[in-house]
Amino acid sequence: MVTRERRQPVRARVRRLLGRKVSIEAMIEFGLWMAIPHILIGVVWSFLNYETVTAIEKQLEPVLPAGADLMAFGLTTGLWPLLLLTSGLCGV
């Protein structure tokens, strides 16, 4: 026995899904839940690629002498997908 949802085309299902009203609060909560794995992966990646953190720290020392190490770790943690793709190209 085929249910009604299975007979509907994909476009109708997507339209029904996108037609739901979602509050700003729910969207912020969803974004925060998605940020947790991103940050955890970034911290692990920063610990495993310490040479990238030190290279960024050396570049930040003239601009931010007191907190270059923390800023470099934060940048590496937050921007790990970008650094994962471009670390071989830029030599960082």
PDB file of N, CA and C in Angstrom:
ATOM      1  N   MET A   1       0.831  -1.169   0.000  1.00  0.00           N
ATOM      2  CA  MET A   1       0.000   0.000   0.000  1.00  0.00           C
ATOM      3  C   MET A   1       0.883   1.242   0.000  1.00  0.00           C
ATOM      4  N   VAL A   2       0.710   2.100  -0.968  1.00  0.00           N
ATOM      5  CA  VAL A   2       1.508   3.308  -1.124  1.00  0.00           C
ATOM      6  C   VAL A   2       0.798   4.449  -0.404  1.00  0.00           C
ATOM      7  N   THR A   3       1.555   5.150   0.446  1.00  0.00           N
ATOM      8  CA  THR A   3       0.961   6.266   1.181  1.00  0.00           C
ATOM      9  C   THR A   3       0.858   7.486   0.297  1.00  0.00           C
ATOM     10  N   ARG A   4       0.120   8.470   0.791  1.00  0.00           N
ATOM     11  CA  ARG A   4      -0.102   9.683   0.006  1.00  0.00           C
ATOM     12  C   ARG A   4       1.192  10.469  -0.178  1.00  0.00           C
ATOM     13  N   GLU A   5       2.055  10.496   0.869  1.00  0.00           N
ATOM     14  CA  GLU A   5       3.307  11.253   0.778  1.00  0.00           C
ATOM     15  C   GLU A   5       4.242  10.680  -0.278  1.00  0.00           C
ATOM     16  N   ARG A   6       4.232   9.386  -0.455  1.00  0.00           N
ATOM     17  CA  ARG A   6       5.130   8.779  -1.444  1.00  0.00           C
ATOM     18  C   ARG A   6       4.677   9.072  -2.866  1.00  0.00           C
ATOM     19  N   ARG A   7       3.403   9.281  -3.067  1.00  0.00           N
ATOM     20  CA  ARG A   7       2.908   9.560  -4.408  1.00  0.00           C
ATOM     21  C   ARG A   7       3.132  11.011  -4.821  1.00  0.00           C
ATOM     22  N   GLN A   8       3.338  11.905  -3.857  1.00  0.00           N
ATOM     23  CA  GLN A   8       3.537  13.308  -4.195  1.00  0.00           C
ATOM     24  C   GLN A   8       4.897  13.493  -4.859  1.00  0.00           C
ATOM     25  N   PRO A   9       4.964  14.345  -5.842  1.00  0.00           N
ATOM     26  CA  PRO A   9       6.277  14.601  -6.448  1.00  0.00           C
ATOM     27  C   PRO A   9       7.190  15.347  -5.476  1.00  0.00           C
ATOM     28  N   VAL A  10       8.447  15.294  -5.767  1.00  0.00           N
ATOM     29  CA  VAL A  10       9.452  15.900  -4.893  1.00  0.00           C
ATOM     30  C   VAL A  10       9.228  17.401  -4.767  1.00  0.00           C
ATOM     31  N   ARG A  11       8.869  18.043  -5.840  1.00  0.00           N
ATOM     32  CA  ARG A  11       8.659  19.493  -5.813  1.00  0.00           C
ATOM     33  C   ARG A  11       7.556  19.870  -4.834  1.00  0.00           C
ATOM     34  N   ALA A  12       6.493  19.111  -4.781  1.00  0.00           N
ATOM     35  CA  ALA A  12       5.396  19.405  -3.853  1.00  0.00           C
ATOM     36  C   ALA A  12       5.837  19.209  -2.410  1.00  0.00           C
ATOM     37  N   ARG A  13       6.626  18.176  -2.162  1.00  0.00           N
ATOM     38  CA  ARG A  13       7.130  17.956  -0.801  1.00  0.00           C
ATOM     39  C   ARG A  13       8.055  19.082  -0.366  1.00  0.00           C
ATOM     40  N   VAL A  14       8.921  19.521  -1.267  1.00  0.00           N
ATOM     41  CA  VAL A  14       9.839  20.614  -0.936  1.00  0.00           C
ATOM     42  C   VAL A  14       9.060  21.902  -0.711  1.00  0.00           C
ATOM     43  N   ARG A  15       8.072  22.150  -1.525  1.00  0.00           N
ATOM     44  CA  ARG A  15       7.252  23.355  -1.377  1.00  0.00           C
ATOM     45  C   ARG A  15       6.518  23.338  -0.034  1.00  0.00           C
ATOM     46  N   ARG A  16       6.011  22.179   0.363  1.00  0.00           N
ATOM     47  CA  ARG A  16       5.324  22.070   1.646  1.00  0.00           C
ATOM     48  C   ARG A  16       6.307  22.282   2.801  1.00  0.00           C
ATOM     49  N   LEU A  17       7.519  21.757   2.673  1.00  0.00           N
ATOM     50  CA  LEU A  17       8.536  21.932   3.711  1.00  0.00           C
ATOM     51  C   LEU A  17       8.957  23.391   3.826  1.00  0.00           C
ATOM     52  N   LEU A  18       9.151  24.058   2.693  1.00  0.00           N
ATOM     53  CA  LEU A  18       9.570  25.461   2.717  1.00  0.00           C
ATOM     54  C   LEU A  18       8.433  26.400   3.078  1.00  0.00           C
ATOM     55  N   GLY A  19       7.203  25.923   3.019  1.00  0.00           N
ATOM     56  CA  GLY A  19       6.063  26.750   3.366  1.00  0.00           C
ATOM     57  C   GLY A  19       5.828  26.874   4.856  1.00  0.00           C
ATOM     58  N   ARG A  20       6.524  26.099   5.667  1.00  0.00           N
ATOM     59  CA  ARG A  20       6.361  26.171   7.115  1.00  0.00           C
ATOM     60  C   ARG A  20       6.922  27.476   7.652  1.00  0.00           C
ATOM     61  N   LYS A  21       6.266  27.998   8.666  1.00  0.00           N
ATOM     62  CA  LYS A  21       6.762  29.205   9.319  1.00  0.00           C
ATOM     63  C   LYS A  21       7.739  28.791  10.414  1.00  0.00           C
ATOM     64  N   VAL A  22       8.893  29.450  10.421  1.00  0.00           N
ATOM     65  CA  VAL A  22       9.937  29.153  11.397  1.00  0.00           C
ATOM     66  C   VAL A  22      10.290  30.450  12.102  1.00  0.00           C
ATOM     67  N   SER A  23      10.410  30.396  13.407  1.00  0.00           N
ATOM     68  CA  SER A  23      10.738  31.602  14.166  1.00  0.00           C
ATOM     69  C   SER A  23      12.236  31.892  14.084  1.00  0.00           C
ATOM     70  N   ILE A  24      12.568  33.122  14.347  1.00  0.00           N
ATOM     71  CA  ILE A  24      13.975  33.539  14.388  1.00  0.00           C
ATOM     72  C   ILE A  24      14.709  32.776  15.485  1.00  0.00           C
ATOM     73  N   GLU A  25      14.014  32.560  16.595  1.00  0.00           N
ATOM     74  CA  GLU A  25      14.606  31.822  17.701  1.00  0.00           C
ATOM     75  C   GLU A  25      15.009  30.411  17.284  1.00  0.00           C
ATOM     76  N   ALA A  26      14.172  29.747  16.518  1.00  0.00           N
ATOM     77  CA  ALA A  26      14.478  28.388  16.065  1.00  0.00           C
ATOM     78  C   ALA A  26      15.647  28.390  15.085  1.00  0.00           C
ATOM     79  N   MET A  27      15.737  29.405  14.235  1.00  0.00           N
ATOM     80  CA  MET A  27      16.850  29.479  13.292  1.00  0.00           C
ATOM     81  C   MET A  27      18.164  29.735  14.018  1.00  0.00           C
ATOM     82  N   ILE A  28      18.144  30.589  15.050  1.00  0.00           N
ATOM     83  CA  ILE A  28      19.355  30.841  15.837  1.00  0.00           C
ATOM     84  C   ILE A  28      19.775  29.577  16.580  1.00  0.00           C
ATOM     85  N   GLU A  29      18.808  28.861  17.142  1.00  0.00           N
ATOM     86  CA  GLU A  29      19.127  27.626  17.838  1.00  0.00           C
ATOM     87  C   GLU A  29      19.730  26.591  16.892  1.00  0.00           C
ATOM     88  N   PHE A  30      19.189  26.478  15.698  1.00  0.00           N
ATOM     89  CA  PHE A  30      19.729  25.554  14.711  1.00  0.00           C
ATOM     90  C   PHE A  30      21.165  25.931  14.344  1.00  0.00           C
ATOM     91  N   GLY A  31      21.414  27.228  14.164  1.00  0.00           N
ATOM     92  CA  GLY A  31      22.768  27.682  13.852  1.00  0.00           C
ATOM     93  C   GLY A  31      23.753  27.385  14.965  1.00  0.00           C
ATOM     94  N   LEU A  32      23.319  27.560  16.204  1.00  0.00           N
ATOM     95  CA  LEU A  32      24.206  27.255  17.330  1.00  0.00           C
ATOM     96  C   LEU A  32      24.498  25.768  17.429  1.00  0.00           C
ATOM     97  N   TRP A  33      23.502  24.924  17.174  1.00  0.00           N
ATOM     98  CA  TRP A  33      23.740  23.482  17.195  1.00  0.00           C
ATOM     99  C   TRP A  33      24.682  23.064  16.077  1.00  0.00           C
ATOM    100  N   MET A  34      24.611  23.726  14.939  1.00  0.00           N
ATOM    101  CA  MET A  34      25.517  23.408  13.835  1.00  0.00           C
ATOM    102  C   MET A  34      26.921  23.948  14.080  1.00  0.00           C
ATOM    103  N   ALA A  35      27.057  24.973  14.919  1.00  0.00           N
ATOM    104  CA  ALA A  35      28.372  25.540  15.218  1.00  0.00           C
ATOM    105  C   ALA A  35      29.192  24.648  16.148  1.00  0.00           C
ATOM    106  N   ILE A  36      28.528  23.860  16.974  1.00  0.00           N
ATOM    107  CA  ILE A  36      29.254  23.011  17.929  1.00  0.00           C
ATOM    108  C   ILE A  36      30.171  22.012  17.226  1.00  0.00           C
ATOM    109  N   PRO A  37      29.691  21.234  16.248  1.00  0.00           N
ATOM    110  CA  PRO A  37      30.636  20.319  15.574  1.00  0.00           C
ATOM    111  C   PRO A  37      31.727  21.052  14.807  1.00  0.00           C
ATOM    112  N   HIS A  38      31.395  22.211  14.236  1.00  0.00           N
ATOM    113  CA  HIS A  38      32.392  22.988  13.487  1.00  0.00           C
ATOM    114  C   HIS A  38      33.532  23.416  14.409  1.00  0.00           C
ATOM    115  N   ILE A  39      33.198  23.883  15.586  1.00  0.00           N
ATOM    116  CA  ILE A  39      34.220  24.336  16.531  1.00  0.00           C
ATOM    117  C   ILE A  39      35.025  23.159  17.070  1.00  0.00           C
ATOM    118  N   LEU A  40      34.348  22.055  17.369  1.00  0.00           N
ATOM    119  CA  LEU A  40      35.078  20.884  17.880  1.00  0.00           C
ATOM    120  C   LEU A  40      36.059  20.342  16.846  1.00  0.00           C
ATOM    121  N   ILE A  41      35.640  20.261  15.608  1.00  0.00           N
ATOM    122  CA  ILE A  41      36.549  19.812  14.545  1.00  0.00           C
ATOM    123  C   ILE A  41      37.691  20.807  14.386  1.00  0.00           C
ATOM    124  N   GLY A  42      37.390  22.096  14.499  1.00  0.00           N
ATOM    125  CA  GLY A  42      38.423  23.124  14.378  1.00  0.00           C
ATOM    126  C   GLY A  42      39.460  23.048  15.479  1.00  0.00           C
ATOM    127  N   VAL A  43      39.040  22.764  16.702  1.00  0.00           N
ATOM    128  CA  VAL A  43      39.991  22.644  17.811  1.00  0.00           C
ATOM    129  C   VAL A  43      40.907  21.443  17.591  1.00  0.00           C
ATOM    130  N   VAL A  44      40.340  20.330  17.192  1.00  0.00           N
ATOM    131  CA  VAL A  44      41.157  19.130  16.931  1.00  0.00           C
ATOM    132  C   VAL A  44      42.118  19.399  15.782  1.00  0.00           C
ATOM    133  N   TRP A  45      41.629  20.038  14.720  1.00  0.00           N
ATOM    134  CA  TRP A  45      42.485  20.326  13.567  1.00  0.00           C
ATOM    135  C   TRP A  45      43.605  21.292  13.954  1.00  0.00           C
ATOM    136  N   SER A  46      43.311  22.263  14.826  1.00  0.00           N
ATOM    137  CA  SER A  46      44.341  23.208  15.263  1.00  0.00           C
ATOM    138  C   SER A  46      45.419  22.518  16.095  1.00  0.00           C
ATOM    139  N   PHE A  47      45.015  21.581  16.949  1.00  0.00           N
ATOM    140  CA  PHE A  47      46.006  20.846  17.740  1.00  0.00           C
ATOM    141  C   PHE A  47      46.872  19.948  16.860  1.00  0.00           C
ATOM    142  N   LEU A  48      46.280  19.371  15.836  1.00  0.00           N
ATOM    143  CA  LEU A  48      47.053  18.476  14.974  1.00  0.00           C
ATOM    144  C   LEU A  48      47.938  19.222  13.971  1.00  0.00           C
ATOM    145  N   ASN A  49      47.608  20.451  13.648  1.00  0.00           N
ATOM    146  CA  ASN A  49      48.381  21.257  12.695  1.00  0.00           C
ATOM    147  C   ASN A  49      48.964  22.480  13.401  1.00  0.00           C
ATOM    148  N   TYR A  50      49.817  22.223  14.353  1.00  0.00           N
ATOM    149  CA  TYR A  50      50.399  23.300  15.156  1.00  0.00           C
ATOM    150  C   TYR A  50      51.284  24.224  14.322  1.00  0.00           C
ATOM    151  N   GLU A  51      51.906  23.690  13.283  1.00  0.00           N
ATOM    152  CA  GLU A  51      52.769  24.537  12.450  1.00  0.00           C
ATOM    153  C   GLU A  51      51.976  25.630  11.733  1.00  0.00           C
ATOM    154  N   THR A  52      50.729  25.362  11.410  1.00  0.00           N
ATOM    155  CA  THR A  52      49.881  26.388  10.806  1.00  0.00           C
ATOM    156  C   THR A  52      49.579  27.487  11.810  1.00  0.00           C
ATOM    157  N   VAL A  53      49.315  27.104  13.048  1.00  0.00           N
ATOM    158  CA  VAL A  53      49.036  28.092  14.098  1.00  0.00           C
ATOM    159  C   VAL A  53      50.259  28.978  14.330  1.00  0.00           C
ATOM    160  N   THR A  54      51.445  28.384  14.377  1.00  0.00           N
ATOM    161  CA  THR A  54      52.651  29.189  14.604  1.00  0.00           C
ATOM    162  C   THR A  54      52.961  30.090  13.418  1.00  0.00           C
ATOM    163  N   ALA A  55      52.677  29.643  12.195  1.00  0.00           N
ATOM    164  CA  ALA A  55      52.907  30.495  11.023  1.00  0.00           C
ATOM    165  C   ALA A  55      51.978  31.704  11.037  1.00  0.00           C
ATOM    166  N   ILE A  56      50.731  31.492  11.407  1.00  0.00           N
ATOM    167  CA  ILE A  56      49.790  32.615  11.499  1.00  0.00           C
ATOM    168  C   ILE A  56      50.169  33.521  12.666  1.00  0.00           C
ATOM    169  N   GLU A  57      50.645  32.929  13.751  1.00  0.00           N
ATOM    170  CA  GLU A  57      51.070  33.719  14.911  1.00  0.00           C
ATOM    171  C   GLU A  57      52.241  34.635  14.554  1.00  0.00           C
ATOM    172  N   LYS A  58      53.187  34.147  13.783  1.00  0.00           N
ATOM    173  CA  LYS A  58      54.319  34.977  13.361  1.00  0.00           C
ATOM    174  C   LYS A  58      53.867  36.161  12.508  1.00  0.00           C
ATOM    175  N   GLN A  59      52.846  35.961  11.714  1.00  0.00           N
ATOM    176  CA  GLN A  59      52.329  37.055  10.893  1.00  0.00           C
ATOM    177  C   GLN A  59      51.527  38.060  11.718  1.00  0.00           C
ATOM    178  N   LEU A  60      50.925  37.625  12.821  1.00  0.00           N
ATOM    179  CA  LEU A  60      50.109  38.515  13.649  1.00  0.00           C
ATOM    180  C   LEU A  60      50.908  39.252  14.717  1.00  0.00           C
ATOM    181  N   GLU A  61      52.110  38.800  15.042  1.00  0.00           N
ATOM    182  CA  GLU A  61      52.888  39.418  16.120  1.00  0.00           C
ATOM    183  C   GLU A  61      53.159  40.910  15.927  1.00  0.00           C
ATOM    184  N   PRO A  62      53.485  41.404  14.727  1.00  0.00           N
ATOM    185  CA  PRO A  62      53.691  42.851  14.604  1.00  0.00           C
ATOM    186  C   PRO A  62      52.415  43.665  14.826  1.00  0.00           C
ATOM    187  N   VAL A  63      51.274  43.096  14.498  1.00  0.00           N
ATOM    188  CA  VAL A  63      50.015  43.822  14.624  1.00  0.00           C
ATOM    189  C   VAL A  63      49.426  43.694  16.020  1.00  0.00           C
ATOM    190  N   LEU A  64      49.520  42.523  16.606  1.00  0.00           N
ATOM    191  CA  LEU A  64      48.905  42.228  17.900  1.00  0.00           C
ATOM    192  C   LEU A  64      49.911  41.490  18.782  1.00  0.00           C
ATOM    193  N   PRO A  65      50.875  42.202  19.381  1.00  0.00           N
ATOM    194  CA  PRO A  65      51.946  41.524  20.101  1.00  0.00           C
ATOM    195  C   PRO A  65      51.478  40.776  21.357  1.00  0.00           C
ATOM    196  N   ALA A  66      50.458  41.280  22.048  1.00  0.00           N
ATOM    197  CA  ALA A  66      50.061  40.665  23.318  1.00  0.00           C
ATOM    198  C   ALA A  66      49.199  39.418  23.125  1.00  0.00           C
ATOM    199  N   GLY A  67      48.409  39.354  22.082  1.00  0.00           N
ATOM    200  CA  GLY A  67      47.495  38.234  21.941  1.00  0.00           C
ATOM    201  C   GLY A  67      47.593  37.510  20.623  1.00  0.00           C
ATOM    202  N   ALA A  68      48.771  37.527  20.029  1.00  0.00           N
ATOM    203  CA  ALA A  68      48.936  36.895  18.717  1.00  0.00           C
ATOM    204  C   ALA A  68      48.720  35.394  18.786  1.00  0.00           C
ATOM    205  N   ASP A  69      49.145  34.774  19.892  1.00  0.00           N
ATOM    206  CA  ASP A  69      48.988  33.325  20.001  1.00  0.00           C
ATOM    207  C   ASP A  69      47.519  32.917  20.113  1.00  0.00           C
ATOM    208  N   LEU A  70      46.751  33.642  20.922  1.00  0.00           N
ATOM    209  CA  LEU A  70      45.322  33.331  21.054  1.00  0.00           C
ATOM    210  C   LEU A  70      44.551  33.636  19.775  1.00  0.00           C
ATOM    211  N   MET A  71      44.902  34.737  19.141  1.00  0.00           N
ATOM    212  CA  MET A  71      44.230  35.104  17.894  1.00  0.00           C
ATOM    213  C   MET A  71      44.538  34.092  16.796  1.00  0.00           C
ATOM    214  N   ALA A  72      45.772  33.633  16.729  1.00  0.00           N
ATOM    215  CA  ALA A  72      46.138  32.639  15.723  1.00  0.00           C
ATOM    216  C   ALA A  72      45.403  31.335  15.961  1.00  0.00           C
ATOM    217  N   PHE A  73      45.296  30.930  17.223  1.00  0.00           N
ATOM    218  CA  PHE A  73      44.561  29.698  17.526  1.00  0.00           C
ATOM    219  C   PHE A  73      43.079  29.859  17.192  1.00  0.00           C
ATOM    220  N   GLY A  74      42.499  31.022  17.514  1.00  0.00           N
ATOM    221  CA  GLY A  74      41.090  31.273  17.201  1.00  0.00           C
ATOM    222  C   GLY A  74      40.827  31.307  15.705  1.00  0.00           C
ATOM    223  N   LEU A  75      41.712  31.948  14.961  1.00  0.00           N
ATOM    224  CA  LEU A  75      41.561  31.979  13.502  1.00  0.00           C
ATOM    225  C   LEU A  75      41.692  30.594  12.894  1.00  0.00           C
ATOM    226  N   THR A  76      42.645  29.833  13.384  1.00  0.00           N
ATOM    227  CA  THR A  76      42.831  28.484  12.864  1.00  0.00           C
ATOM    228  C   THR A  76      41.637  27.600  13.207  1.00  0.00           C
ATOM    229  N   THR A  77      41.097  27.765  14.407  1.00  0.00           N
ATOM    230  CA  THR A  77      39.933  26.979  14.818  1.00  0.00           C
ATOM    231  C   THR A  77      38.702  27.344  14.005  1.00  0.00           C
ATOM    232  N   GLY A  78      38.477  28.618  13.773  1.00  0.00           N
ATOM    233  CA  GLY A  78      37.287  29.054  13.052  1.00  0.00           C
ATOM    234  C   GLY A  78      37.355  28.871  11.553  1.00  0.00           C
ATOM    235  N   LEU A  79      38.540  29.022  10.993  1.00  0.00           N
ATOM    236  CA  LEU A  79      38.690  28.977   9.536  1.00  0.00           C
ATOM    237  C   LEU A  79      39.323  27.679   9.047  1.00  0.00           C
ATOM    238  N   TRP A  80      39.157  26.599   9.798  1.00  0.00           N
ATOM    239  CA  TRP A  80      39.810  25.345   9.415  1.00  0.00           C
ATOM    240  C   TRP A  80      39.389  24.826   8.048  1.00  0.00           C
ATOM    241  N   PRO A  81      38.147  24.983   7.586  1.00  0.00           N
ATOM    242  CA  PRO A  81      37.855  24.466   6.239  1.00  0.00           C
ATOM    243  C   PRO A  81      38.636  25.208   5.154  1.00  0.00           C
ATOM    244  N   LEU A  82      38.750  26.526   5.316  1.00  0.00           N
ATOM    245  CA  LEU A  82      39.511  27.320   4.351  1.00  0.00           C
ATOM    246  C   LEU A  82      40.983  26.959   4.396  1.00  0.00           C
ATOM    247  N   LEU A  83      41.534  26.819   5.589  1.00  0.00           N
ATOM    248  CA  LEU A  83      42.944  26.456   5.722  1.00  0.00           C
ATOM    249  C   LEU A  83      43.214  25.036   5.239  1.00  0.00           C
ATOM    250  N   LEU A  84      42.231  24.174   5.375  1.00  0.00           N
ATOM    251  CA  LEU A  84      42.371  22.803   4.894  1.00  0.00           C
ATOM    252  C   LEU A  84      42.530  22.780   3.380  1.00  0.00           C
ATOM    253  N   LEU A  85      41.823  23.670   2.698  1.00  0.00           N
ATOM    254  CA  LEU A  85      41.894  23.716   1.235  1.00  0.00           C
ATOM    255  C   LEU A  85      43.093  24.486   0.719  1.00  0.00           C
ATOM    256  N   THR A  86      43.493  25.549   1.426  1.00  0.00           N
ATOM    257  CA  THR A  86      44.523  26.440   0.882  1.00  0.00           C
ATOM    258  C   THR A  86      45.889  26.310   1.546  1.00  0.00           C
ATOM    259  N   SER A  87      46.048  25.445   2.539  1.00  0.00           N
ATOM    260  CA  SER A  87      47.340  25.372   3.225  1.00  0.00           C
ATOM    261  C   SER A  87      48.457  24.903   2.293  1.00  0.00           C
ATOM    262  N   GLY A  88      48.165  24.030   1.375  1.00  0.00           N
ATOM    263  CA  GLY A  88      49.182  23.580   0.430  1.00  0.00           C
ATOM    264  C   GLY A  88      49.505  24.621  -0.626  1.00  0.00           C
ATOM    265  N   LEU A  89      48.555  25.482  -0.926  1.00  0.00           N
ATOM    266  CA  LEU A  89      48.764  26.494  -1.963  1.00  0.00           C
ATOM    267  C   LEU A  89      49.545  27.691  -1.441  1.00  0.00           C
ATOM    268  N   CYS A  90      49.255  28.124  -0.233  1.00  0.00           N
ATOM    269  CA  CYS A  90      49.852  29.339   0.294  1.00  0.00           C
ATOM    270  C   CYS A  90      51.143  29.115   1.059  1.00  0.00           C
ATOM    271  N   GLY A  91      51.419  27.903   1.427  1.00  0.00           N
ATOM    272  CA  GLY A  91      52.633  27.637   2.177  1.00  0.00           C
ATOM    273  C   GLY A  91      52.522  27.981   3.647  1.00  0.00           C
ATOM    274  N   VAL A  92      51.306  28.152   4.152  1.00  0.00           N
ATOM    275  CA  VAL A  92      51.110  28.465   5.577  1.00  0.00           C
ATOM    276  C   VAL A  92      51.198  27.201   6.364  1.00  0.00           C
TER     277      VAL A  92
END
